[in-house]
Amino acid sequence: MCQEGACGTCETRILARRADDHRDSILTLAEQAANRTMMVPRGRGLRAAAP
């Protein structure tokens, strides 16, 4: 996996709200403006430690 949203395998449908910050390079500007999908290559939050 590319982990940057460039290959498209992480494309995810947007169910509510808007994606104001598209950082992927696979969607066209029109697709980004439509706010139907976005790339979510990796979480940016804190990760829980393994037990």
PDB file of N, CA and C in Angstrom:
ATOM      1  N   MET A   1       0.828  -1.182   0.000  1.00  0.00           N
ATOM      2  CA  MET A   1       0.000   0.000   0.000  1.00  0.00           C
ATOM      3  C   MET A   1       0.876   1.251   0.000  1.00  0.00           C
ATOM      4  N   CYS A   2       0.393   2.286  -0.653  1.00  0.00           N
ATOM      5  CA  CYS A   2       1.205   3.488  -0.806  1.00  0.00           C
ATOM      6  C   CYS A   2       1.219   4.372   0.438  1.00  0.00           C
ATOM      7  N   GLN A   3       0.162   4.339   1.266  1.00  0.00           N
ATOM      8  CA  GLN A   3       0.012   5.131   2.485  1.00  0.00           C
ATOM      9  C   GLN A   3      -0.027   6.636   2.244  1.00  0.00           C
ATOM     10  N   GLU A   4      -0.277   7.054   1.008  1.00  0.00           N
ATOM     11  CA  GLU A   4      -0.349   8.485   0.701  1.00  0.00           C
ATOM     12  C   GLU A   4      -1.580   8.859  -0.107  1.00  0.00           C
ATOM     13  N   GLY A   5      -2.456   7.914  -0.409  1.00  0.00           N
ATOM     14  CA  GLY A   5      -3.658   8.212  -1.186  1.00  0.00           C
ATOM     15  C   GLY A   5      -3.420   8.308  -2.675  1.00  0.00           C
ATOM     16  N   ALA A   6      -2.296   7.816  -3.148  1.00  0.00           N
ATOM     17  CA  ALA A   6      -1.960   7.939  -4.564  1.00  0.00           C
ATOM     18  C   ALA A   6      -2.412   6.747  -5.401  1.00  0.00           C
ATOM     19  N   CYS A   7      -2.611   5.589  -4.794  1.00  0.00           N
ATOM     20  CA  CYS A   7      -2.957   4.404  -5.578  1.00  0.00           C
ATOM     21  C   CYS A   7      -4.453   4.143  -5.660  1.00  0.00           C
ATOM     22  N   GLY A   8      -5.240   4.722  -4.732  1.00  0.00           N
ATOM     23  CA  GLY A   8      -6.687   4.601  -4.786  1.00  0.00           C
ATOM     24  C   GLY A   8      -7.286   3.434  -4.027  1.00  0.00           C
ATOM     25  N   THR A   9      -6.487   2.579  -3.417  1.00  0.00           N
ATOM     26  CA  THR A   9      -7.038   1.435  -2.705  1.00  0.00           C
ATOM     27  C   THR A   9      -7.732   1.827  -1.410  1.00  0.00           C
ATOM     28  N   CYS A  10      -7.484   3.005  -0.901  1.00  0.00           N
ATOM     29  CA  CYS A  10      -8.095   3.457   0.354  1.00  0.00           C
ATOM     30  C   CYS A  10      -9.277   4.388   0.120  1.00  0.00           C
ATOM     31  N   GLU A  11      -9.810   4.430  -1.106  1.00  0.00           N
ATOM     32  CA  GLU A  11     -10.933   5.324  -1.404  1.00  0.00           C
ATOM     33  C   GLU A  11     -12.130   4.967  -0.523  1.00  0.00           C
ATOM     34  N   THR A  12     -12.695   5.968   0.123  1.00  0.00           N
ATOM     35  CA  THR A  12     -13.781   5.777   1.079  1.00  0.00           C
ATOM     36  C   THR A  12     -14.910   6.747   0.788  1.00  0.00           C
ATOM     37  N   ARG A  13     -16.129   6.260   0.883  1.00  0.00           N
ATOM     38  CA  ARG A  13     -17.296   7.096   0.638  1.00  0.00           C
ATOM     39  C   ARG A  13     -17.525   8.033   1.825  1.00  0.00           C
ATOM     40  N   ILE A  14     -17.851   9.269   1.540  1.00  0.00           N
ATOM     41  CA  ILE A  14     -18.169  10.251   2.576  1.00  0.00           C
ATOM     42  C   ILE A  14     -19.662  10.155   2.862  1.00  0.00           C
ATOM     43  N   LEU A  15     -20.017   9.870   4.108  1.00  0.00           N
ATOM     44  CA  LEU A  15     -21.414   9.700   4.475  1.00  0.00           C
ATOM     45  C   LEU A  15     -22.061  10.997   4.944  1.00  0.00           C
ATOM     46  N   ALA A  16     -21.308  11.836   5.613  1.00  0.00           N
ATOM     47  CA  ALA A  16     -21.853  13.088   6.138  1.00  0.00           C
ATOM     48  C   ALA A  16     -20.738  14.127   6.187  1.00  0.00           C
ATOM     49  N   ARG A  17     -21.139  15.357   6.252  1.00  0.00           N
ATOM     50  CA  ARG A  17     -20.218  16.499   6.307  1.00  0.00           C
ATOM     51  C   ARG A  17     -19.457  16.662   5.006  1.00  0.00           C
ATOM     52  N   ARG A  18     -18.310  17.323   5.068  1.00  0.00           N
ATOM     53  CA  ARG A  18     -17.518  17.593   3.867  1.00  0.00           C
ATOM     54  C   ARG A  18     -16.054  17.289   4.126  1.00  0.00           C
ATOM     55  N   ALA A  19     -15.370  16.919   3.088  1.00  0.00           N
ATOM     56  CA  ALA A  19     -13.922  16.741   3.152  1.00  0.00           C
ATOM     57  C   ALA A  19     -13.303  18.037   2.648  1.00  0.00           C
ATOM     58  N   ASP A  20     -12.908  18.892   3.558  1.00  0.00           N
ATOM     59  CA  ASP A  20     -12.388  20.201   3.170  1.00  0.00           C
ATOM     60  C   ASP A  20     -10.920  20.188   2.780  1.00  0.00           C
ATOM     61  N   ASP A  21     -10.225  19.123   3.099  1.00  0.00           N
ATOM     62  CA  ASP A  21      -8.782  19.096   2.869  1.00  0.00           C
ATOM     63  C   ASP A  21      -8.374  17.827   2.136  1.00  0.00           C
ATOM     64  N   HIS A  22      -8.655  17.775   0.838  1.00  0.00           N
ATOM     65  CA  HIS A  22      -8.237  16.621   0.032  1.00  0.00           C
ATOM     66  C   HIS A  22      -6.732  16.714  -0.198  1.00  0.00           C
ATOM     67  N   ARG A  23      -6.017  15.713   0.228  1.00  0.00           N
ATOM     68  CA  ARG A  23      -4.566  15.688   0.001  1.00  0.00           C
ATOM     69  C   ARG A  23      -4.146  14.565  -0.936  1.00  0.00           C
ATOM     70  N   ASP A  24      -5.127  13.871  -1.467  1.00  0.00           N
ATOM     71  CA  ASP A  24      -4.810  12.785  -2.381  1.00  0.00           C
ATOM     72  C   ASP A  24      -4.491  13.342  -3.759  1.00  0.00           C
ATOM     73  N   SER A  25      -3.906  12.498  -4.579  1.00  0.00           N
ATOM     74  CA  SER A  25      -3.567  12.927  -5.939  1.00  0.00           C
ATOM     75  C   SER A  25      -4.304  12.104  -6.984  1.00  0.00           C
ATOM     76  N   ILE A  26      -5.237  11.272  -6.563  1.00  0.00           N
ATOM     77  CA  ILE A  26      -5.922  10.400  -7.511  1.00  0.00           C
ATOM     78  C   ILE A  26      -7.266  10.973  -7.979  1.00  0.00           C
ATOM     79  N   LEU A  27      -7.957  11.730  -7.118  1.00  0.00           N
ATOM     80  CA  LEU A  27      -9.243  12.315  -7.509  1.00  0.00           C
ATOM     81  C   LEU A  27      -9.032  13.591  -8.323  1.00  0.00           C
ATOM     82  N   THR A  28      -9.890  13.784  -9.316  1.00  0.00           N
ATOM     83  CA  THR A  28      -9.835  15.027 -10.087  1.00  0.00           C
ATOM     84  C   THR A  28     -10.388  16.157  -9.222  1.00  0.00           C
ATOM     85  N   LEU A  29     -10.182  17.390  -9.649  1.00  0.00           N
ATOM     86  CA  LEU A  29     -10.733  18.521  -8.911  1.00  0.00           C
ATOM     87  C   LEU A  29     -12.257  18.450  -8.847  1.00  0.00           C
ATOM     88  N   ALA A  30     -12.881  17.988  -9.921  1.00  0.00           N
ATOM     89  CA  ALA A  30     -14.336  17.852  -9.943  1.00  0.00           C
ATOM     90  C   ALA A  30     -14.796  16.792  -8.938  1.00  0.00           C
ATOM     91  N   GLU A  31     -14.082  15.677  -8.849  1.00  0.00           N
ATOM     92  CA  GLU A  31     -14.423  14.621  -7.883  1.00  0.00           C
ATOM     93  C   GLU A  31     -14.229  15.111  -6.449  1.00  0.00           C
ATOM     94  N   GLN A  32     -13.178  15.873  -6.219  1.00  0.00           N
ATOM     95  CA  GLN A  32     -12.955  16.432  -4.883  1.00  0.00           C
ATOM     96  C   GLN A  32     -14.074  17.397  -4.519  1.00  0.00           C
ATOM     97  N   ALA A  33     -14.490  18.239  -5.454  1.00  0.00           N
ATOM     98  CA  ALA A  33     -15.544  19.210  -5.207  1.00  0.00           C
ATOM     99  C   ALA A  33     -16.894  18.534  -4.959  1.00  0.00           C
ATOM    100  N   ALA A  34     -17.113  17.365  -5.554  1.00  0.00           N
ATOM    101  CA  ALA A  34     -18.375  16.641  -5.376  1.00  0.00           C
ATOM    102  C   ALA A  34     -18.502  16.076  -3.960  1.00  0.00           C
ATOM    103  N   ASN A  35     -17.401  15.881  -3.258  1.00  0.00           N
ATOM    104  CA  ASN A  35     -17.394  15.384  -1.876  1.00  0.00           C
ATOM    105  C   ASN A  35     -18.151  14.080  -1.697  1.00  0.00           C
ATOM    106  N   ARG A  36     -17.966  13.154  -2.626  1.00  0.00           N
ATOM    107  CA  ARG A  36     -18.594  11.837  -2.489  1.00  0.00           C
ATOM    108  C   ARG A  36     -17.624  10.819  -1.903  1.00  0.00           C
ATOM    109  N   THR A  37     -16.354  10.961  -2.248  1.00  0.00           N
ATOM    110  CA  THR A  37     -15.335  10.046  -1.732  1.00  0.00           C
ATOM    111  C   THR A  37     -14.070  10.824  -1.399  1.00  0.00           C
ATOM    112  N   MET A  38     -13.203  10.175  -0.648  1.00  0.00           N
ATOM    113  CA  MET A  38     -11.872  10.720  -0.373  1.00  0.00           C
ATOM    114  C   MET A  38     -10.935   9.559  -0.070  1.00  0.00           C
ATOM    115  N   MET A  39      -9.659   9.807  -0.122  1.00  0.00           N
ATOM    116  CA  MET A  39      -8.668   8.792   0.203  1.00  0.00           C
ATOM    117  C   MET A  39      -8.313   8.925   1.682  1.00  0.00           C
ATOM    118  N   VAL A  40      -8.301   7.805   2.379  1.00  0.00           N
ATOM    119  CA  VAL A  40      -7.942   7.793   3.810  1.00  0.00           C
ATOM    120  C   VAL A  40      -6.800   6.795   4.011  1.00  0.00           C
ATOM    121  N   PRO A  41      -5.613   7.172   3.596  1.00  0.00           N
ATOM    122  CA  PRO A  41      -4.501   6.228   3.565  1.00  0.00           C
ATOM    123  C   PRO A  41      -4.024   5.743   4.920  1.00  0.00           C
ATOM    124  N   ARG A  42      -4.111   6.547   5.954  1.00  0.00           N
ATOM    125  CA  ARG A  42      -3.653   6.103   7.269  1.00  0.00           C
ATOM    126  C   ARG A  42      -4.218   7.034   8.328  1.00  0.00           C
ATOM    127  N   GLY A  43      -4.435   6.482   9.495  1.00  0.00           N
ATOM    128  CA  GLY A  43      -4.945   7.294  10.591  1.00  0.00           C
ATOM    129  C   GLY A  43      -3.860   8.242  11.082  1.00  0.00           C
ATOM    130  N   ARG A  44      -4.267   9.397  11.548  1.00  0.00           N
ATOM    131  CA  ARG A  44      -3.313  10.375  12.038  1.00  0.00           C
ATOM    132  C   ARG A  44      -3.476  10.612  13.532  1.00  0.00           C
ATOM    133  N   GLY A  45      -4.289   9.774  14.176  1.00  0.00           N
ATOM    134  CA  GLY A  45      -4.505   9.925  15.607  1.00  0.00           C
ATOM    135  C   GLY A  45      -3.519   9.092  16.413  1.00  0.00           C
ATOM    136  N   LEU A  46      -3.713   9.105  17.709  1.00  0.00           N
ATOM    137  CA  LEU A  46      -2.850   8.311  18.590  1.00  0.00           C
ATOM    138  C   LEU A  46      -3.222   6.847  18.455  1.00  0.00           C
ATOM    139  N   ARG A  47      -2.252   6.000  18.557  1.00  0.00           N
ATOM    140  CA  ARG A  47      -2.493   4.563  18.498  1.00  0.00           C
ATOM    141  C   ARG A  47      -2.367   3.961  19.880  1.00  0.00           C
ATOM    142  N   ALA A  48      -3.209   3.010  20.146  1.00  0.00           N
ATOM    143  CA  ALA A  48      -3.154   2.332  21.438  1.00  0.00           C
ATOM    144  C   ALA A  48      -1.985   1.353  21.444  1.00  0.00           C
ATOM    145  N   ALA A  49      -1.346   1.241  22.561  1.00  0.00           N
ATOM    146  CA  ALA A  49      -0.228   0.306  22.698  1.00  0.00           C
ATOM    147  C   ALA A  49      -0.763  -1.118  22.788  1.00  0.00           C
ATOM    148  N   ALA A  50      -0.069  -2.049  22.200  1.00  0.00           N
ATOM    149  CA  ALA A  50      -0.452  -3.453  22.275  1.00  0.00           C
ATOM    150  C   ALA A  50      -0.271  -3.961  23.701  1.00  0.00           C
ATOM    151  N   PRO A  51      -1.186  -4.818  24.169  1.00  0.00           N
ATOM    152  CA  PRO A  51      -1.076  -5.341  25.547  1.00  0.00           C
ATOM    153  C   PRO A  51       0.110  -6.261  25.722  1.00  0.00           C
TER     154      PRO A  51
END
